[in-house]
């Protein structure tokens, strides 16, 4: 399954939004995700992809597309 689809599954499960709302420009503020939701998403991404997302990096991730790009880069670094 492509990374983006996996991340969508995680986000939809945690914040209970419609999958169609998740575009690369979608912000988590628009999706009404609170800070706890974001922490849960980060933990789920770390577990799913076996990566570590430092807090300073996480603070810069404001859009769904940003999350996808970041995770793709972290996974590529591991290879």
N, C-alpha and C. Protein backbone atom coordinates (compact mmCIF):
# COMPACT_ATOMS: atom_id res chain seq x y z
N UNK A 1 0.85 -1.18 0.00
CA UNK A 1 0.00 0.00 0.00
C UNK A 1 0.89 1.24 0.00
N UNK A 2 0.60 2.20 -0.86
CA UNK A 2 1.42 3.42 -0.89
C UNK A 2 1.39 4.15 0.45
N UNK A 3 2.47 4.84 0.74
CA UNK A 3 2.61 5.56 1.99
C UNK A 3 1.43 6.50 2.23
N UNK A 4 1.04 7.25 1.21
CA UNK A 4 -0.04 8.22 1.37
C UNK A 4 -1.34 7.55 1.82
N UNK A 5 -1.65 6.40 1.24
CA UNK A 5 -2.88 5.69 1.63
C UNK A 5 -2.81 5.22 3.08
N UNK A 6 -1.66 4.74 3.49
CA UNK A 6 -1.49 4.29 4.87
C UNK A 6 -1.66 5.46 5.83
N UNK A 7 -1.07 6.59 5.50
CA UNK A 7 -1.18 7.78 6.35
C UNK A 7 -2.64 8.25 6.39
N UNK A 8 -3.32 8.21 5.25
CA UNK A 8 -4.74 8.58 5.22
C UNK A 8 -5.54 7.69 6.16
N UNK A 9 -5.28 6.39 6.10
CA UNK A 9 -5.99 5.46 6.98
C UNK A 9 -5.80 5.83 8.45
N UNK A 10 -4.56 6.16 8.81
CA UNK A 10 -4.25 6.52 10.19
C UNK A 10 -4.97 7.80 10.59
N UNK A 11 -4.90 8.82 9.74
CA UNK A 11 -5.52 10.11 10.05
C UNK A 11 -7.04 9.97 10.16
N UNK A 12 -7.65 9.27 9.21
CA UNK A 12 -9.11 9.08 9.23
C UNK A 12 -9.54 8.36 10.51
N UNK A 13 -8.78 7.35 10.89
CA UNK A 13 -9.11 6.57 12.09
C UNK A 13 -9.02 7.43 13.36
N UNK A 14 -8.05 8.31 13.41
CA UNK A 14 -7.83 9.10 14.63
C UNK A 14 -8.74 10.32 14.71
N UNK A 15 -8.89 11.06 13.60
CA UNK A 15 -9.68 12.29 13.70
C UNK A 15 -11.09 12.15 13.13
N UNK A 16 -11.41 10.97 12.64
CA UNK A 16 -12.77 10.68 12.16
C UNK A 16 -13.25 11.68 11.12
N UNK A 17 -12.43 11.94 10.11
CA UNK A 17 -12.83 12.83 9.04
C UNK A 17 -13.11 12.00 7.79
N UNK A 18 -13.73 12.63 6.82
CA UNK A 18 -13.95 11.96 5.54
C UNK A 18 -12.63 11.86 4.80
N UNK A 19 -12.38 10.70 4.25
CA UNK A 19 -11.14 10.45 3.51
C UNK A 19 -10.96 11.45 2.36
N UNK A 20 -12.08 11.85 1.74
CA UNK A 20 -12.03 12.77 0.60
C UNK A 20 -11.54 14.17 0.99
N UNK A 21 -11.64 14.50 2.28
CA UNK A 21 -11.18 15.81 2.75
C UNK A 21 -9.66 15.91 2.81
N UNK A 22 -8.99 14.77 2.79
CA UNK A 22 -7.53 14.76 2.93
C UNK A 22 -6.86 14.98 1.58
N UNK A 23 -6.45 16.22 1.36
CA UNK A 23 -5.67 16.55 0.17
C UNK A 23 -4.31 17.00 0.66
N UNK A 24 -3.38 17.17 -0.25
CA UNK A 24 -2.03 17.56 0.19
C UNK A 24 -2.03 18.93 0.87
N UNK A 25 -3.01 19.78 0.56
CA UNK A 25 -3.08 21.11 1.15
C UNK A 25 -3.93 21.18 2.42
N UNK A 26 -4.58 20.08 2.79
CA UNK A 26 -5.42 20.07 3.99
C UNK A 26 -4.58 20.34 5.23
N UNK A 27 -5.03 21.28 6.04
CA UNK A 27 -4.35 21.52 7.31
C UNK A 27 -5.10 20.78 8.41
N UNK A 28 -4.39 20.44 9.45
CA UNK A 28 -5.02 19.73 10.55
C UNK A 28 -5.96 20.66 11.32
N UNK A 29 -5.70 21.95 11.24
CA UNK A 29 -6.61 22.92 11.84
C UNK A 29 -7.95 22.89 11.11
N UNK A 30 -7.91 22.87 9.78
CA UNK A 30 -9.14 22.78 8.98
C UNK A 30 -9.92 21.51 9.30
N UNK A 31 -9.19 20.45 9.57
CA UNK A 31 -9.81 19.15 9.86
C UNK A 31 -10.26 19.05 11.32
N UNK A 32 -10.03 20.14 12.07
CA UNK A 32 -10.42 20.23 13.47
C UNK A 32 -9.73 19.19 14.35
N UNK A 33 -8.48 18.92 14.03
CA UNK A 33 -7.66 18.02 14.84
C UNK A 33 -7.05 18.83 15.98
N UNK A 34 -7.13 18.29 17.19
CA UNK A 34 -6.51 18.98 18.31
C UNK A 34 -5.11 18.43 18.56
N UNK A 35 -4.44 18.97 19.57
CA UNK A 35 -3.06 18.57 19.82
C UNK A 35 -2.95 17.09 20.19
N UNK A 36 -3.93 16.56 20.90
CA UNK A 36 -3.90 15.13 21.25
C UNK A 36 -4.02 14.28 19.98
N UNK A 37 -4.88 14.70 19.07
CA UNK A 37 -5.01 13.98 17.80
C UNK A 37 -3.67 13.95 17.06
N UNK A 38 -2.99 15.08 17.04
CA UNK A 38 -1.71 15.15 16.33
C UNK A 38 -0.66 14.25 16.98
N UNK A 39 -0.64 14.21 18.30
CA UNK A 39 0.29 13.32 19.00
C UNK A 39 -0.02 11.87 18.65
N UNK A 40 -1.31 11.51 18.65
CA UNK A 40 -1.70 10.14 18.31
C UNK A 40 -1.30 9.80 16.87
N UNK A 41 -1.46 10.75 15.96
CA UNK A 41 -1.07 10.53 14.57
C UNK A 41 0.44 10.31 14.49
N UNK A 42 1.20 11.15 15.17
CA UNK A 42 2.66 11.01 15.14
C UNK A 42 3.11 9.66 15.68
N UNK A 43 2.54 9.25 16.80
CA UNK A 43 2.90 7.96 17.40
C UNK A 43 2.54 6.82 16.44
N UNK A 44 1.37 6.90 15.83
CA UNK A 44 0.94 5.86 14.89
C UNK A 44 1.86 5.81 13.68
N UNK A 45 2.28 6.96 13.19
CA UNK A 45 3.21 7.00 12.04
C UNK A 45 4.56 6.41 12.42
N UNK A 46 5.05 6.76 13.61
CA UNK A 46 6.32 6.21 14.06
C UNK A 46 6.26 4.69 14.16
N UNK A 47 5.16 4.19 14.70
CA UNK A 47 4.99 2.74 14.84
C UNK A 47 4.85 2.06 13.49
N UNK A 48 4.01 2.63 12.63
CA UNK A 48 3.72 2.01 11.33
C UNK A 48 4.95 1.95 10.44
N UNK A 49 5.73 3.03 10.42
CA UNK A 49 6.86 3.12 9.50
C UNK A 49 8.21 2.89 10.17
N UNK A 50 8.20 2.62 11.48
CA UNK A 50 9.43 2.38 12.23
C UNK A 50 10.42 3.53 12.05
N UNK A 51 9.90 4.74 12.28
CA UNK A 51 10.72 5.95 12.18
C UNK A 51 10.56 6.74 13.47
N UNK A 52 11.42 7.73 13.64
CA UNK A 52 11.30 8.64 14.77
C UNK A 52 11.06 10.03 14.23
N UNK A 53 10.05 10.71 14.79
CA UNK A 53 9.73 12.06 14.37
C UNK A 53 10.01 12.99 15.54
N UNK A 54 11.14 13.71 15.50
CA UNK A 54 11.47 14.62 16.60
C UNK A 54 10.42 15.72 16.74
N UNK A 55 10.22 16.19 17.96
CA UNK A 55 9.21 17.21 18.23
C UNK A 55 9.41 18.46 17.39
N UNK A 56 10.67 18.87 17.21
CA UNK A 56 10.93 20.09 16.43
C UNK A 56 10.52 19.90 14.96
N UNK A 57 10.65 18.69 14.44
CA UNK A 57 10.19 18.40 13.08
C UNK A 57 8.67 18.39 13.03
N UNK A 58 8.06 17.78 14.02
CA UNK A 58 6.61 17.65 14.06
C UNK A 58 5.92 19.01 14.09
N UNK A 59 6.52 19.97 14.75
CA UNK A 59 5.93 21.30 14.85
C UNK A 59 5.83 21.98 13.49
N UNK A 60 6.69 21.61 12.57
CA UNK A 60 6.67 22.21 11.24
C UNK A 60 5.72 21.54 10.27
N UNK A 61 5.12 20.44 10.70
CA UNK A 61 4.21 19.70 9.82
C UNK A 61 2.79 20.17 10.05
N UNK A 62 2.28 20.97 9.12
CA UNK A 62 0.95 21.55 9.32
C UNK A 62 -0.07 21.05 8.31
N UNK A 63 0.39 20.46 7.21
CA UNK A 63 -0.55 19.97 6.20
C UNK A 63 -0.42 18.46 6.04
N UNK A 64 -1.46 17.87 5.49
CA UNK A 64 -1.43 16.43 5.23
C UNK A 64 -0.29 16.10 4.26
N UNK A 65 -0.13 16.91 3.23
CA UNK A 65 0.95 16.70 2.26
C UNK A 65 2.32 16.79 2.91
N UNK A 66 2.46 17.68 3.88
CA UNK A 66 3.72 17.79 4.61
C UNK A 66 4.04 16.52 5.37
N UNK A 67 3.01 15.94 5.99
CA UNK A 67 3.21 14.67 6.69
C UNK A 67 3.65 13.57 5.72
N UNK A 68 2.98 13.50 4.58
CA UNK A 68 3.30 12.46 3.59
C UNK A 68 4.73 12.62 3.10
N UNK A 69 5.11 13.84 2.74
CA UNK A 69 6.48 14.09 2.25
C UNK A 69 7.51 13.76 3.33
N UNK A 70 7.23 14.18 4.55
CA UNK A 70 8.16 13.93 5.64
C UNK A 70 8.36 12.44 5.87
N UNK A 71 7.26 11.69 5.94
CA UNK A 71 7.35 10.25 6.18
C UNK A 71 8.08 9.57 5.01
N UNK A 72 7.76 9.96 3.79
CA UNK A 72 8.46 9.38 2.62
C UNK A 72 9.96 9.62 2.73
N UNK A 73 10.37 10.83 3.13
CA UNK A 73 11.80 11.14 3.26
C UNK A 73 12.45 10.33 4.37
N UNK A 74 11.76 10.20 5.51
CA UNK A 74 12.32 9.43 6.63
C UNK A 74 12.47 7.96 6.26
N UNK A 75 11.47 7.41 5.57
CA UNK A 75 11.54 6.00 5.15
C UNK A 75 12.68 5.82 4.15
N UNK A 76 12.84 6.76 3.23
CA UNK A 76 13.93 6.68 2.24
C UNK A 76 15.30 6.74 2.92
N UNK A 77 15.42 7.55 3.97
CA UNK A 77 16.69 7.65 4.70
C UNK A 77 17.09 6.33 5.33
N UNK A 78 16.10 5.53 5.74
CA UNK A 78 16.38 4.25 6.38
C UNK A 78 16.89 3.21 5.39
N UNK A 79 16.54 3.39 4.14
CA UNK A 79 16.90 2.37 3.12
C UNK A 79 18.37 2.40 2.77
